[in-house]
Protein backbone atom coordinates (compact mmCIF):
# COMPACT_ATOMS: atom_id res chain seq x y z
CA MET A 1 -130.41 133.64 139.29
CA ASP A 2 -128.38 136.32 139.01
CA VAL A 3 -126.24 137.75 142.18
CA PHE A 4 -126.69 141.56 143.10
CA GLN A 5 -124.28 143.39 145.15
CA LEU A 6 -123.91 146.72 146.83
CA VAL A 7 -120.13 148.04 147.60
CA ILE A 8 -119.72 151.44 149.63
CA GLU A 9 -116.88 153.04 148.25
CA ASP A 10 -115.02 155.57 149.97
CA ASP A 11 -114.43 157.53 146.79
CA GLY A 12 -115.04 161.07 147.80
CA LEU A 13 -115.64 162.53 144.51
CA PHE A 14 -118.87 164.07 145.31
CA TRP A 15 -120.03 162.93 148.65
CA PRO A 16 -118.03 160.71 151.23
CA SER A 17 -119.08 157.31 149.94
CA SER A 18 -121.00 155.66 147.03
CA ALA A 19 -123.16 152.68 146.77
CA VAL A 20 -121.64 150.68 143.62
CA ILE A 21 -123.72 148.39 142.37
CA PHE A 22 -122.48 144.83 141.37
CA VAL A 23 -124.18 142.13 139.16
CA ASN A 24 -122.81 138.49 138.82
CA GLY A 25 -119.66 140.18 140.50
CA ARG A 26 -119.05 142.53 137.76
CA ARG A 27 -119.93 146.74 138.31
CA LEU A 28 -123.34 147.39 136.54
CA TYR A 29 -121.59 150.53 134.77
CA ASP A 30 -119.03 148.29 133.03
CA LEU A 31 -122.03 145.81 131.70
CA ALA A 32 -124.16 148.94 130.85
CA ARG A 33 -120.83 150.14 128.70
CA GLU A 34 -120.12 146.95 127.26
CA ALA A 35 -123.98 146.75 126.06
CA ALA A 36 -124.54 150.28 125.20
CA SER A 37 -125.36 150.76 121.28
CA GLU A 38 -123.32 153.96 121.47
CA PRO A 39 -120.40 155.22 123.58
CA ASP A 40 -121.37 155.37 127.17
CA GLU A 41 -120.80 157.24 130.40
CA ALA A 42 -118.47 156.78 133.14
CA TRP A 43 -121.10 156.64 135.37
CA VAL A 44 -121.65 157.91 139.18
CA ALA A 45 -122.74 155.43 141.59
CA PRO A 46 -125.49 156.56 143.94
CA PRO A 47 -124.75 158.28 147.65
CA PRO A 48 -125.65 155.07 149.91
CA GLY A 49 -128.55 156.99 151.30
CA VAL A 50 -130.22 156.85 148.27
CA VAL A 51 -130.70 153.35 147.81
CA LEU A 52 -130.04 151.72 150.99
CA PRO A 53 -133.08 151.26 153.59
CA PRO A 54 -134.95 152.85 154.54
CA SER A 55 -135.10 153.83 150.94
CA ARG A 56 -137.21 152.11 148.55
CA GLN A 57 -135.61 152.86 145.49
CA LEU A 58 -134.03 149.82 144.79
CA LEU A 59 -137.16 147.60 145.95
CA GLY A 60 -140.07 148.99 143.36
CA GLY A 61 -140.17 152.46 145.18
CA ASP A 62 -140.17 155.97 143.34
CA ASP A 63 -136.45 157.21 142.77
CA VAL A 64 -135.16 159.93 145.58
CA TRP A 65 -132.00 160.71 144.19
CA GLU A 66 -132.46 163.96 142.37
CA ASP A 67 -135.78 164.50 144.51
CA PRO A 68 -136.27 163.09 147.91
CA ARG A 69 -139.87 164.41 148.01
CA GLU A 70 -140.96 162.91 144.32
CA SER A 71 -140.38 160.51 142.02
CA PHE A 72 -138.15 162.64 139.10
CA PHE A 73 -138.68 160.11 136.20
CA ALA A 74 -141.56 158.56 134.31
CA ASP A 75 -142.53 155.18 133.65
CA GLY A 76 -141.54 153.57 137.28
CA ARG A 77 -137.81 154.11 136.45
CA VAL A 78 -135.25 154.66 138.72
CA ALA A 79 -131.59 155.91 138.21
CA VAL A 80 -128.59 153.18 139.16
CA GLY A 81 -125.99 155.70 137.70
CA ALA A 82 -125.89 159.57 137.17
CA CYS A 83 -123.31 161.16 134.25
CA GLY A 84 -120.14 162.84 135.31
CA CYS A 85 -122.03 165.84 137.04
CA SER A 86 -123.65 163.44 139.59
CA PHE A 87 -127.15 164.92 138.87
CA PRO A 88 -129.36 162.10 137.47
CA GLY A 89 -131.57 164.98 136.07
CA CYS A 90 -129.02 165.92 133.87
CA ASP A 91 -128.66 162.18 132.35
CA SER A 92 -128.31 158.92 133.93
CA LEU A 93 -128.83 155.23 133.74
CA LEU A 94 -132.39 154.32 134.06
CA VAL A 95 -134.18 150.70 134.90
CA LYS A 96 -137.55 149.39 136.08
CA ILE A 97 -137.60 147.48 138.93
CA GLU A 98 -140.26 144.52 139.94
CA VAL A 99 -140.41 142.89 143.25
CA SER A 100 -142.55 140.15 143.59
CA ASP A 101 -142.51 137.94 146.69
CA ASN A 102 -139.59 135.60 145.53
CA ASP A 103 -137.77 137.71 143.02
CA VAL A 104 -136.64 141.44 142.40
CA VAL A 105 -136.27 141.79 138.24
CA TRP A 106 -134.40 144.54 137.18
CA HIS A 107 -135.39 145.40 132.74
CA ASP A 108 -135.83 147.80 130.44
CA PHE A 109 -132.64 149.94 131.06
CA ARG A 110 -132.34 153.52 129.39
CA ARG A 111 -130.53 156.73 129.40
CA HIS A 112 -132.71 159.54 130.62
CA ASN A 113 -131.64 162.17 128.06
CA ARG A 114 -130.24 159.81 125.27
CA PRO A 115 -133.06 157.78 124.15
CA SER A 116 -131.02 156.87 121.16
CA VAL A 117 -128.61 154.69 123.32
CA THR A 118 -130.04 151.40 123.69
CA TYR A 119 -128.90 148.30 126.13
CA ALA A 120 -129.68 145.31 124.19
CA GLY A 121 -128.36 142.52 126.16
CA LEU A 122 -128.42 144.31 129.60
CA GLY A 123 -130.53 142.38 131.68
CA PRO A 124 -133.26 141.35 132.50
CA PHE A 125 -131.45 140.64 135.66
CA ARG A 126 -133.64 138.23 138.13
CA PHE A 127 -132.47 138.22 141.64
CA GLU A 128 -133.97 136.13 144.61
CA ARG A 129 -135.32 138.64 146.90
CA GLN A 130 -134.36 137.50 149.99
CA ALA A 131 -130.41 137.46 149.02
CA TYR A 132 -131.12 140.73 147.40
CA GLU A 133 -132.56 142.45 150.63
CA ALA A 134 -129.93 140.70 152.65
CA ALA A 135 -127.19 142.63 150.11
CA LEU A 136 -129.08 145.70 150.98
CA ARG A 137 -128.93 145.06 154.40
CA ALA A 138 -125.24 144.12 154.45
CA ALA A 139 -124.49 147.38 152.51
CA ALA A 140 -126.14 149.37 154.74
CA ALA A 141 -124.53 147.68 157.98
CA VAL A 142 -120.93 148.84 156.20
CA ALA A 143 -122.41 152.73 155.14
CA GLU A 144 -123.21 153.22 159.12
């Protein structure tokens, strides 16, 4: 199983803090940059309110980063990083998240506005659901 972690960083770039995603001890954005078929973005991490409970964005729910009222992206994908302007509708790193009783699987990474960029070798990532949800709760406790 892969290991999921969210680290709340007080970067102050676009919002007071960001929820930076780590997979197996490495920043997801570094993994994406290494796997990208073309030069990739320096991705901006989401604000905590987008991905932490009660949001379901990282638990198979709709994307709420661009518009909290309705999902912005097709095919059930959600944004896990935005381009340097911080608006995922401009460009974003998207992923499909499937949740079962025991696992959470991230697969099929894509760019929102550059479909020519592929991410062969990035995922799928399979997380044990209890540990994954515990990581979300731990990050939420730090973000409060």
